[in-house]
C-alpha cells in the first residue's frame, strides 16, 4: 500500500499531466502570436527599405474567430505591404475550405497575396480550392500556376519564384524560375523564393540559385516541443530537424520557416504556439547583411 506522501505524489503527477494535455489541446492552439524580424539585405533598393512581408501557412481549415477575425485584426495592426501564404490552406481529412477562403479574404484586404499550395491542399482537392478562390472573387497570385512573378510595389519590385511540391523527392529545378523572375524585374530587385516544405536540400538549391530570402511552412515548428531541446521531429527532416522553425542563414540567403496556424494529425500544440510572421526588409550596402532584433 502506498504511503500518503506517495499517493499525493501520484495524484499531483496525474493532475499535472491532465493540465498539460488540456493546455496543449484547448489553450495553446488558440494563442495566436506575432513574430517580427528585421532583415538587412545587401543592395536592397532604397525604395523597398522598410517593406513588410507577412508570412502565414498551414491553416489546415482552423478558425480564429468569425471570418478569421483575430487574424484580420492582427494584419490590420501590422500593415504589411505584401502577404505570402506558404501552403496547406485546408486539411486533407477535415477539409475547411470556407475557413481557408476567409483567411485569404482577410489577407487580400491588406495587400497583394501570393500563395503556394501544400501537400494537404493537393491531397484534398486543389482544383476545388482554386475554384472556390475564384468564385469568392479573392485575388491571389498562384505561384504554382505562375512560378515567376515580378511584384511591383510603390518603392520597387520584388522578384518572386516558387518551388511547387517541395515535399517530393523530385521537384522542378528552381533556378529557371529565379532567373525568369529576376529577368522580369529591374536590376537589384530582391529575390524571394516560396516553398511549402523546407527540406535542407531544397533550401540549399534555392539559395544557390540566388535567393535573397526563402519562405516556407509545413513543419508546424514541430507542433509539440520539448523544454530546452525544442522540436524533436518534423516531416521531411526527421529527428532533431535543422530547419524546424524560425530564421536561418543558408549559403548567403535568409530562410524563415513559420510554425504556421493550425494543426494536423494531433490537434495539439505544446511550446509551439501558432504565429503570423512579419518580416521587415532593410537596405544595407552590397556586401553586408545582418539579422536585426525583433521589434
C-alpha atoms as a PDB file:
ATOM      1  CA  UNK A   1       0.000   0.000   0.000  1.00  0.00           C
ATOM      2  CA  UNK A   2       1.305   3.477  -0.914  1.00  0.00           C
ATOM      3  CA  UNK A   3       2.287   5.846   1.844  1.00  0.00           C
ATOM      4  CA  UNK A   4       0.194   9.047   1.986  1.00  0.00           C
ATOM      5  CA  UNK A   5       3.088  11.056   0.542  1.00  0.00           C
ATOM      6  CA  UNK A   6       3.417   8.605  -2.367  1.00  0.00           C
ATOM      7  CA  UNK A   7      -0.307   8.762  -3.088  1.00  0.00           C
ATOM      8  CA  UNK A   8      -0.219  12.544  -3.031  1.00  0.00           C
ATOM      9  CA  UNK A   9       2.691  12.456  -5.461  1.00  0.00           C
ATOM     10  CA  UNK A  10       0.780  10.253  -7.903  1.00  0.00           C
ATOM     11  CA  UNK A  11      -2.287  12.465  -7.694  1.00  0.00           C
ATOM     12  CA  UNK A  12      -0.170  15.567  -8.286  1.00  0.00           C
ATOM     13  CA  UNK A  13       1.568  13.970 -11.274  1.00  0.00           C
ATOM     14  CA  UNK A  14      -1.777  12.926 -12.731  1.00  0.00           C
ATOM     15  CA  UNK A  15      -3.223  16.419 -12.295  1.00  0.00           C
ATOM     16  CA  UNK A  16      -0.166  17.983 -13.924  1.00  0.00           C
ATOM     17  CA  UNK A  17      -0.409  15.547 -16.854  1.00  0.00           C
ATOM     18  CA  UNK A  18      -4.101  16.318 -17.334  1.00  0.00           C
ATOM     19  CA  UNK A  19      -3.415  20.066 -17.156  1.00  0.00           C
ATOM     20  CA  UNK A  20      -0.664  19.803 -19.795  1.00  0.00           C
ATOM     21  CA  UNK A  21      -2.911  17.821 -22.124  1.00  0.00           C
ATOM     22  CA  UNK A  22      -5.759  20.307 -21.710  1.00  0.00           C
ATOM     23  CA  UNK A  23      -3.358  23.199 -22.313  1.00  0.00           C
ATOM     24  CA  UNK A  24      -1.940  21.607 -25.451  1.00  0.00           C
ATOM     25  CA  UNK A  25      -5.369  20.682 -26.788  1.00  0.00           C
ATOM     26  CA  UNK A  26      -7.560  23.669 -25.950  1.00  0.00           C
ATOM     27  CA  UNK A  27      -5.380  26.655 -25.000  1.00  0.00           C
ATOM     28  CA  UNK A  28      -2.081  26.868 -26.870  1.00  0.00           C
ATOM     29  CA  UNK A  29      -3.540  26.145 -30.342  1.00  0.00           C
ATOM     30  CA  UNK A  30      -5.600  29.349 -29.895  1.00  0.00           C
ATOM     31  CA  UNK A  31      -2.711  31.512 -28.624  1.00  0.00           C
ATOM     32  CA  UNK A  32      -2.111  33.378 -31.862  1.00  0.00           C
ATOM     33  CA  UNK A  33       1.235  35.184 -31.746  1.00  0.00           C
ATOM     34  CA  UNK A  34       3.160  37.616 -33.942  1.00  0.00           C
ATOM     35  CA  UNK A  35       6.818  37.020 -34.746  1.00  0.00           C
ATOM     36  CA  UNK A  36       8.625  40.107 -36.028  1.00  0.00           C
ATOM     37  CA  UNK A  37      12.095  40.132 -37.530  1.00  0.00           C
ATOM     38  CA  UNK A  38      14.104  42.772 -39.341  1.00  0.00           C
ATOM     39  CA  UNK A  39      16.317  41.520 -42.162  1.00  0.00           C
ATOM     40  CA  UNK A  40      19.130  43.518 -43.724  1.00  0.00           C
ATOM     41  CA  UNK A  41      19.503  42.680 -47.408  1.00  0.00           C
ATOM     42  CA  UNK A  42      22.599  43.749 -49.264  1.00  0.00           C
ATOM     43  CA  UNK A  43      21.816  46.006 -52.195  1.00  0.00           C
ATOM     44  CA  UNK A  44      18.100  46.291 -51.431  1.00  0.00           C
ATOM     45  CA  UNK A  45      16.782  49.288 -53.412  1.00  0.00           C
ATOM     46  CA  UNK A  46      16.204  52.299 -51.171  1.00  0.00           C
ATOM     47  CA  UNK A  47      12.538  52.444 -52.202  1.00  0.00           C
ATOM     48  CA  UNK A  48      11.955  48.991 -50.684  1.00  0.00           C
ATOM     49  CA  UNK A  49      13.631  49.836 -47.371  1.00  0.00           C
ATOM     50  CA  UNK A  50      11.056  49.160 -44.649  1.00  0.00           C
ATOM     51  CA  UNK A  51       8.910  46.834 -46.767  1.00  0.00           C
ATOM     52  CA  UNK A  52       6.953  44.448 -44.547  1.00  0.00           C
ATOM     53  CA  UNK A  53       6.197  40.902 -45.714  1.00  0.00           C
ATOM     54  CA  UNK A  54       3.622  38.871 -43.774  1.00  0.00           C
ATOM     55  CA  UNK A  55       4.102  35.096 -43.892  1.00  0.00           C
ATOM     56  CA  UNK A  56       1.240  32.736 -43.000  1.00  0.00           C
ATOM     57  CA  UNK A  57       0.919  28.992 -43.578  1.00  0.00           C
ATOM     58  CA  UNK A  58      -0.655  25.710 -42.515  1.00  0.00           C
ATOM     59  CA  UNK A  59      -4.142  26.845 -41.571  1.00  0.00           C
ATOM     60  CA  UNK A  60      -5.493  23.301 -42.005  1.00  0.00           C
ATOM     61  CA  UNK A  61      -9.050  24.657 -42.004  1.00  0.00           C
ATOM     62  CA  UNK A  62      -8.816  26.116 -38.499  1.00  0.00           C
ATOM     63  CA  UNK A  63     -10.883  29.118 -37.424  1.00  0.00           C
ATOM     64  CA  UNK A  64      -9.590  32.080 -35.452  1.00  0.00           C
ATOM     65  CA  UNK A  65     -12.935  33.745 -34.902  1.00  0.00           C
ATOM     66  CA  UNK A  66     -15.806  34.519 -37.290  1.00  0.00           C
ATOM     67  CA  UNK A  67     -14.350  35.460 -40.645  1.00  0.00           C
ATOM     68  CA  UNK A  68     -10.884  34.800 -39.176  1.00  0.00           C
ATOM     69  CA  UNK A  69     -11.417  37.996 -37.179  1.00  0.00           C
ATOM     70  CA  UNK A  70      -8.391  37.566 -34.925  1.00  0.00           C
ATOM     71  CA  UNK A  71      -6.033  37.183 -37.882  1.00  0.00           C
ATOM     72  CA  UNK A  72      -7.731  40.048 -39.714  1.00  0.00           C
ATOM     73  CA  UNK A  73      -7.282  42.399 -36.728  1.00  0.00           C
ATOM     74  CA  UNK A  74      -3.673  41.360 -36.357  1.00  0.00           C
ATOM     75  CA  UNK A  75      -2.939  42.076 -40.022  1.00  0.00           C
ATOM     76  CA  UNK A  76      -4.706  45.422 -39.814  1.00  0.00           C
ATOM     77  CA  UNK A  77      -2.434  46.335 -36.937  1.00  0.00           C
ATOM     78  CA  UNK A  78       0.788  45.150 -38.632  1.00  0.00           C
ATOM     79  CA  UNK A  79       0.015  46.769 -42.009  1.00  0.00           C
ATOM     80  CA  UNK A  80       2.132  44.501 -44.255  1.00  0.00           C
ATOM     81  CA  UNK A  81       2.877  45.600 -47.810  1.00  0.00           C
ATOM     82  CA  UNK A  82       2.968  42.023 -49.177  1.00  0.00           C
ATOM     83  CA  UNK A  83       1.377  38.819 -47.867  1.00  0.00           C
ATOM     84  CA  UNK A  84       2.575  35.278 -48.587  1.00  0.00           C
ATOM     85  CA  UNK A  85       0.682  32.055 -47.881  1.00  0.00           C
ATOM     86  CA  UNK A  86       3.019  29.042 -47.885  1.00  0.00           C
ATOM     87  CA  UNK A  87       0.564  26.168 -48.229  1.00  0.00           C
ATOM     88  CA  UNK A  88      -1.895  23.818 -46.500  1.00  0.00           C
ATOM     89  CA  UNK A  89      -4.944  26.041 -46.556  1.00  0.00           C
ATOM     90  CA  UNK A  90      -7.143  23.005 -45.861  1.00  0.00           C
ATOM     91  CA  UNK A  91      -6.665  19.660 -44.138  1.00  0.00           C
ATOM     92  CA  UNK A  92      -6.824  16.530 -46.263  1.00  0.00           C
ATOM     93  CA  UNK A  93      -9.116  14.764 -43.765  1.00  0.00           C
ATOM     94  CA  UNK A  94     -11.147  17.628 -42.240  1.00  0.00           C
ATOM     95  CA  UNK A  95     -11.395  19.943 -45.243  1.00  0.00           C
ATOM     96  CA  UNK A  96     -12.039  23.501 -44.105  1.00  0.00           C
ATOM     97  CA  UNK A  97     -12.301  25.336 -47.416  1.00  0.00           C
ATOM     98  CA  UNK A  98     -14.630  28.032 -46.089  1.00  0.00           C
ATOM     99  CA  UNK A  99     -12.235  28.829 -43.254  1.00  0.00           C
ATOM    100  CA  UNK A 100      -9.417  28.905 -45.785  1.00  0.00           C
ATOM    101  CA  UNK A 101     -11.266  31.327 -48.022  1.00  0.00           C
ATOM    102  CA  UNK A 102     -11.918  33.565 -45.023  1.00  0.00           C
ATOM    103  CA  UNK A 103      -8.187  33.641 -44.341  1.00  0.00           C
ATOM    104  CA  UNK A 104      -7.302  34.538 -47.928  1.00  0.00           C
ATOM    105  CA  UNK A 105     -10.021  37.193 -47.909  1.00  0.00           C
ATOM    106  CA  UNK A 106      -8.569  38.708 -44.724  1.00  0.00           C
ATOM    107  CA  UNK A 107      -5.102  38.690 -46.265  1.00  0.00           C
ATOM    108  CA  UNK A 108      -6.242  40.202 -49.558  1.00  0.00           C
ATOM    109  CA  UNK A 109      -7.886  43.082 -47.669  1.00  0.00           C
ATOM    110  CA  UNK A 110      -4.381  44.206 -46.633  1.00  0.00           C
ATOM    111  CA  UNK A 111      -2.395  43.951 -49.849  1.00  0.00           C
ATOM    112  CA  UNK A 112      -1.222  41.655 -52.652  1.00  0.00           C
ATOM    113  CA  UNK A 113      -1.319  37.959 -51.760  1.00  0.00           C
ATOM    114  CA  UNK A 114       0.991  35.341 -53.237  1.00  0.00           C
ATOM    115  CA  UNK A 115       0.313  31.685 -52.470  1.00  0.00           C
ATOM    116  CA  UNK A 116       1.814  28.280 -52.962  1.00  0.00           C
ATOM    117  CA  UNK A 117      -0.061  25.092 -52.122  1.00  0.00           C
ATOM    118  CA  UNK A 118       0.842  22.337 -49.675  1.00  0.00           C
ATOM    119  CA  UNK A 119       0.591  18.583 -49.642  1.00  0.00           C
ATOM    120  CA  UNK A 120      -2.783  18.699 -47.842  1.00  0.00           C
ATOM    121  CA  UNK A 121      -4.190  21.044 -50.495  1.00  0.00           C
ATOM    122  CA  UNK A 122      -3.108  18.681 -53.259  1.00  0.00           C
ATOM    123  CA  UNK A 123      -4.346  15.594 -51.424  1.00  0.00           C
ATOM    124  CA  UNK A 124      -7.730  17.122 -50.604  1.00  0.00           C
ATOM    125  CA  UNK A 125      -8.728  18.723 -53.928  1.00  0.00           C
ATOM    126  CA  UNK A 126      -6.620  21.569 -55.306  1.00  0.00           C
ATOM    127  CA  UNK A 127      -8.915  22.247 -58.300  1.00  0.00           C
ATOM    128  CA  UNK A 128     -11.825  22.724 -55.876  1.00  0.00           C
ATOM    129  CA  UNK A 129      -9.726  25.104 -53.770  1.00  0.00           C
ATOM    130  CA  UNK A 130      -8.795  27.167 -56.815  1.00  0.00           C
ATOM    131  CA  UNK A 131     -12.425  27.179 -57.952  1.00  0.00           C
ATOM    132  CA  UNK A 132     -13.500  28.358 -54.504  1.00  0.00           C
ATOM    133  CA  UNK A 133     -10.967  31.189 -54.542  1.00  0.00           C
ATOM    134  CA  UNK A 134     -12.155  32.278 -57.994  1.00  0.00           C
ATOM    135  CA  UNK A 135     -15.855  32.026 -57.092  1.00  0.00           C
ATOM    136  CA  UNK A 136     -15.268  34.120 -53.964  1.00  0.00           C
ATOM    137  CA  UNK A 137     -13.590  36.816 -56.056  1.00  0.00           C
ATOM    138  CA  UNK A 138     -10.420  36.738 -53.937  1.00  0.00           C
ATOM    139  CA  UNK A 139      -7.374  37.971 -55.814  1.00  0.00           C
ATOM    140  CA  UNK A 140      -4.471  35.599 -55.176  1.00  0.00           C
ATOM    141  CA  UNK A 141      -1.295  35.267 -57.235  1.00  0.00           C
ATOM    142  CA  UNK A 142      -0.973  31.484 -57.594  1.00  0.00           C
ATOM    143  CA  UNK A 143       2.749  30.762 -57.616  1.00  0.00           C
ATOM    144  CA  UNK A 144       2.209  27.206 -58.809  1.00  0.00           C
ATOM    145  CA  UNK A 145       0.492  28.474 -61.949  1.00  0.00           C
ATOM    146  CA  UNK A 146       2.951  31.369 -62.263  1.00  0.00           C
ATOM    147  CA  UNK A 147       6.206  30.247 -60.602  1.00  0.00           C
ATOM    148  CA  UNK A 148       7.967  33.500 -61.540  1.00  0.00           C
ATOM    149  CA  UNK A 149       6.326  36.796 -60.691  1.00  0.00           C
ATOM    150  CA  UNK A 150       7.645  40.343 -60.561  1.00  0.00           C
ATOM    151  CA  UNK A 151       5.597  42.113 -57.885  1.00  0.00           C
ATOM    152  CA  UNK A 152       5.630  45.859 -58.392  1.00  0.00           C
ATOM    153  CA  UNK A 153       5.265  47.986 -55.270  1.00  0.00           C
ATOM    154  CA  UNK A 154       5.392  51.753 -54.880  1.00  0.00           C
ATOM    155  CA  UNK A 155       9.068  51.673 -53.929  1.00  0.00           C
ATOM    156  CA  UNK A 156      10.311  48.993 -56.299  1.00  0.00           C
ATOM    157  CA  UNK A 157       9.876  45.383 -57.417  1.00  0.00           C
ATOM    158  CA  UNK A 158      10.258  42.090 -55.580  1.00  0.00           C
ATOM    159  CA  UNK A 159      11.085  39.094 -57.777  1.00  0.00           C
ATOM    160  CA  UNK A 160       9.135  36.060 -56.511  1.00  0.00           C
ATOM    161  CA  UNK A 161       9.927  32.489 -57.543  1.00  0.00           C
ATOM    162  CA  UNK A 162       8.276  29.278 -56.395  1.00  0.00           C
ATOM    163  CA  UNK A 163       9.281  25.675 -55.809  1.00  0.00           C
ATOM    164  CA  UNK A 164       5.981  23.767 -56.121  1.00  0.00           C
ATOM    165  CA  UNK A 165       5.509  20.427 -54.313  1.00  0.00           C
ATOM    166  CA  UNK A 166       8.788  20.809 -52.464  1.00  0.00           C
ATOM    167  CA  UNK A 167       7.895  17.905 -50.129  1.00  0.00           C
ATOM    168  CA  UNK A 168       8.516  15.465 -53.011  1.00  0.00           C
ATOM    169  CA  UNK A 169      11.951  13.975 -53.608  1.00  0.00           C
ATOM    170  CA  UNK A 170      11.991  15.138 -57.218  1.00  0.00           C
ATOM    171  CA  UNK A 171      10.988  18.738 -57.893  1.00  0.00           C
ATOM    172  CA  UNK A 172      11.240  21.086 -60.829  1.00  0.00           C
ATOM    173  CA  UNK A 173      14.569  22.970 -60.859  1.00  0.00           C
ATOM    174  CA  UNK A 174      14.263  26.295 -59.072  1.00  0.00           C
ATOM    175  CA  UNK A 175      16.982  28.121 -60.998  1.00  0.00           C
ATOM    176  CA  UNK A 176      14.867  28.751 -64.151  1.00  0.00           C
ATOM    177  CA  UNK A 177      12.101  30.286 -62.024  1.00  0.00           C
ATOM    178  CA  UNK A 178      14.589  32.526 -60.198  1.00  0.00           C
ATOM    179  CA  UNK A 179      16.215  33.529 -63.497  1.00  0.00           C
ATOM    180  CA  UNK A 180      12.835  34.363 -65.058  1.00  0.00           C
ATOM    181  CA  UNK A 181      11.705  36.352 -62.014  1.00  0.00           C
ATOM    182  CA  UNK A 182      14.959  38.311 -61.980  1.00  0.00           C
ATOM    183  CA  UNK A 183      14.748  38.968 -65.734  1.00  0.00           C
ATOM    184  CA  UNK A 184      11.224  40.388 -65.305  1.00  0.00           C
ATOM    185  CA  UNK A 185      12.377  42.746 -62.540  1.00  0.00           C
ATOM    186  CA  UNK A 186      14.639  45.819 -62.529  1.00  0.00           C
ATOM    187  CA  UNK A 187      18.309  45.174 -61.703  1.00  0.00           C
ATOM    188  CA  UNK A 188      18.951  44.863 -57.983  1.00  0.00           C
ATOM    189  CA  UNK A 189      15.451  43.681 -57.112  1.00  0.00           C
ATOM    190  CA  UNK A 190      15.433  41.215 -54.205  1.00  0.00           C
ATOM    191  CA  UNK A 191      14.592  37.598 -54.996  1.00  0.00           C
ATOM    192  CA  UNK A 192      12.148  35.782 -52.703  1.00  0.00           C
ATOM    193  CA  UNK A 193      11.615  32.029 -53.126  1.00  0.00           C
ATOM    194  CA  UNK A 194       8.452  30.498 -51.686  1.00  0.00           C
ATOM    195  CA  UNK A 195       8.157  26.774 -50.952  1.00  0.00           C
ATOM    196  CA  UNK A 196       5.928  24.696 -48.716  1.00  0.00           C
ATOM    197  CA  UNK A 197       8.349  22.173 -47.261  1.00  0.00           C
ATOM    198  CA  UNK A 198      11.813  23.496 -46.327  1.00  0.00           C
ATOM    199  CA  UNK A 199      13.877  20.361 -46.704  1.00  0.00           C
ATOM    200  CA  UNK A 200      17.566  21.283 -46.341  1.00  0.00           C
ATOM    201  CA  UNK A 201      18.414  20.042 -49.838  1.00  0.00           C
ATOM    202  CA  UNK A 202      15.638  22.150 -51.408  1.00  0.00           C
ATOM    203  CA  UNK A 203      16.612  25.216 -49.370  1.00  0.00           C
ATOM    204  CA  UNK A 204      20.228  24.852 -50.485  1.00  0.00           C
ATOM    205  CA  UNK A 205      19.113  24.656 -54.118  1.00  0.00           C
ATOM    206  CA  UNK A 206      17.103  27.858 -53.751  1.00  0.00           C
ATOM    207  CA  UNK A 207      19.981  29.651 -52.038  1.00  0.00           C
ATOM    208  CA  UNK A 208      22.411  28.503 -54.721  1.00  0.00           C
ATOM    209  CA  UNK A 209      20.019  29.798 -57.400  1.00  0.00           C
ATOM    210  CA  UNK A 210      20.345  33.309 -55.982  1.00  0.00           C
ATOM    211  CA  UNK A 211      17.515  33.742 -53.489  1.00  0.00           C
ATOM    212  CA  UNK A 212      17.857  36.588 -51.013  1.00  0.00           C
ATOM    213  CA  UNK A 213      15.006  35.269 -48.871  1.00  0.00           C
ATOM    214  CA  UNK A 214      13.313  31.850 -48.693  1.00  0.00           C
ATOM    215  CA  UNK A 215       9.873  31.496 -47.079  1.00  0.00           C
ATOM    216  CA  UNK A 216       8.337  28.173 -46.027  1.00  0.00           C
ATOM    217  CA  UNK A 217       5.939  26.391 -43.692  1.00  0.00           C
ATOM    218  CA  UNK A 218       4.925  22.706 -43.445  1.00  0.00           C
ATOM    219  CA  UNK A 219       6.819  21.859 -40.241  1.00  0.00           C
ATOM    220  CA  UNK A 220       4.381  23.450 -37.745  1.00  0.00           C
ATOM    221  CA  UNK A 221       7.559  24.179 -35.793  1.00  0.00           C
ATOM    222  CA  UNK A 222       7.410  20.597 -34.582  1.00  0.00           C
ATOM    223  CA  UNK A 223       3.937  21.262 -33.108  1.00  0.00           C
ATOM    224  CA  UNK A 224       4.916  19.513 -29.857  1.00  0.00           C
ATOM    225  CA  UNK A 225       8.258  20.667 -28.471  1.00  0.00           C
ATOM    226  CA  UNK A 226      10.318  19.584 -25.509  1.00  0.00           C
ATOM    227  CA  UNK A 227      11.559  22.116 -22.956  1.00  0.00           C
ATOM    228  CA  UNK A 228      15.125  23.292 -23.707  1.00  0.00           C
ATOM    229  CA  UNK A 229      15.501  20.768 -26.563  1.00  0.00           C
ATOM    230  CA  UNK A 230      12.783  22.213 -28.807  1.00  0.00           C
ATOM    231  CA  UNK A 231      11.231  20.326 -31.739  1.00  0.00           C
ATOM    232  CA  UNK A 232      12.082  16.646 -31.814  1.00  0.00           C
ATOM    233  CA  UNK A 233      10.792  15.732 -35.277  1.00  0.00           C
ATOM    234  CA  UNK A 234       9.210  17.371 -38.306  1.00  0.00           C
ATOM    235  CA  UNK A 235       8.040  15.841 -41.611  1.00  0.00           C
ATOM    236  CA  UNK A 236      10.687  15.796 -44.282  1.00  0.00           C
ATOM    237  CA  UNK A 237      13.560  16.407 -41.851  1.00  0.00           C
ATOM    238  CA  UNK A 238      13.235  13.657 -39.267  1.00  0.00           C
ATOM    239  CA  UNK A 239      14.706  13.776 -35.768  1.00  0.00           C
ATOM    240  CA  UNK A 240      16.356  16.949 -34.447  1.00  0.00           C
ATOM    241  CA  UNK A 241      15.385  18.886 -37.586  1.00  0.00           C
ATOM    242  CA  UNK A 242      17.771  21.645 -38.700  1.00  0.00           C
ATOM    243  CA  UNK A 243      15.057  23.867 -40.216  1.00  0.00           C
ATOM    244  CA  UNK A 244      12.046  23.301 -37.974  1.00  0.00           C
ATOM    245  CA  UNK A 245      11.195  26.915 -37.290  1.00  0.00           C
ATOM    246  CA  UNK A 246      12.462  30.451 -37.326  1.00  0.00           C
ATOM    247  CA  UNK A 247      15.130  32.469 -39.051  1.00  0.00           C
ATOM    248  CA  UNK A 248      18.222  30.836 -40.538  1.00  0.00           C
ATOM    249  CA  UNK A 249      21.110  31.811 -42.762  1.00  0.00           C
ATOM    250  CA  UNK A 250      21.868  29.319 -45.549  1.00  0.00           C
ATOM    251  CA  UNK A 251      24.550  29.952 -48.165  1.00  0.00           C
ATOM    252  CA  UNK A 252      24.010  33.702 -48.075  1.00  0.00           C
ATOM    253  CA  UNK A 253      20.199  33.583 -48.125  1.00  0.00           C
ATOM    254  CA  UNK A 254      17.815  34.339 -45.288  1.00  0.00           C
ATOM    255  CA  UNK A 255      15.380  31.483 -44.587  1.00  0.00           C
ATOM    256  CA  UNK A 256      12.245  31.800 -42.470  1.00  0.00           C
ATOM    257  CA  UNK A 257      10.177  28.733 -41.597  1.00  0.00           C
ATOM    258  CA  UNK A 258       6.903  29.575 -39.878  1.00  0.00           C
ATOM    259  CA  UNK A 259       5.253  27.489 -37.151  1.00  0.00           C
ATOM    260  CA  UNK A 260       2.013  28.043 -39.055  1.00  0.00           C
ATOM    261  CA  UNK A 261      -1.515  28.469 -37.783  1.00  0.00           C
ATOM    262  CA  UNK A 262      -3.265  25.126 -37.461  1.00  0.00           C
ATOM    263  CA  UNK A 263      -2.509  21.531 -36.530  1.00  0.00           C
ATOM    264  CA  UNK A 264      -2.619  18.198 -38.307  1.00  0.00           C
ATOM    265  CA  UNK A 265      -2.784  14.571 -37.172  1.00  0.00           C
ATOM    266  CA  UNK A 266      -2.798  15.528 -33.457  1.00  0.00           C
ATOM    267  CA  UNK A 267      -4.848  18.636 -32.586  1.00  0.00           C
ATOM    268  CA  UNK A 268      -2.233  19.661 -30.020  1.00  0.00           C
ATOM    269  CA  UNK A 269       0.454  22.322 -29.700  1.00  0.00           C
ATOM    270  CA  UNK A 270       2.928  22.482 -26.856  1.00  0.00           C
ATOM    271  CA  UNK A 271       5.649  25.133 -26.500  1.00  0.00           C
ATOM    272  CA  UNK A 272       4.907  25.914 -30.140  1.00  0.00           C
ATOM    273  CA  UNK A 273       2.019  28.407 -30.489  1.00  0.00           C
ATOM    274  CA  UNK A 274       0.542  29.418 -33.862  1.00  0.00           C
ATOM    275  CA  UNK A 275       2.010  32.505 -35.429  1.00  0.00           C
ATOM    276  CA  UNK A 276       1.818  35.184 -38.066  1.00  0.00           C
ATOM    277  CA  UNK A 277       5.283  36.287 -39.191  1.00  0.00           C
ATOM    278  CA  UNK A 278       6.097  39.861 -40.197  1.00  0.00           C
ATOM    279  CA  UNK A 279       9.487  40.424 -41.830  1.00  0.00           C
ATOM    280  CA  UNK A 280      10.753  43.969 -42.365  1.00  0.00           C
ATOM    281  CA  UNK A 281      13.351  44.397 -45.103  1.00  0.00           C
ATOM    282  CA  UNK A 282      16.155  46.884 -44.573  1.00  0.00           C
ATOM    283  CA  UNK A 283      18.747  48.075 -47.064  1.00  0.00           C
ATOM    284  CA  UNK A 284      22.472  47.817 -46.471  1.00  0.00           C
ATOM    285  CA  UNK A 285      25.328  48.377 -48.945  1.00  0.00           C
ATOM    286  CA  UNK A 286      26.143  45.431 -51.182  1.00  0.00           C
ATOM    287  CA  UNK A 287      28.454  43.008 -49.423  1.00  0.00           C
ATOM    288  CA  UNK A 288      26.949  43.053 -45.938  1.00  0.00           C
ATOM    289  CA  UNK A 289      23.791  41.871 -44.234  1.00  0.00           C
ATOM    290  CA  UNK A 290      22.844  41.045 -40.688  1.00  0.00           C
ATOM    291  CA  UNK A 291      19.863  39.993 -38.652  1.00  0.00           C
ATOM    292  CA  UNK A 292      18.125  42.713 -36.730  1.00  0.00           C
ATOM    293  CA  UNK A 293      16.381  42.282 -33.396  1.00  0.00           C
ATOM    294  CA  UNK A 294      12.698  41.630 -33.037  1.00  0.00           C
ATOM    295  CA  UNK A 295      10.763  44.856 -32.683  1.00  0.00           C
END
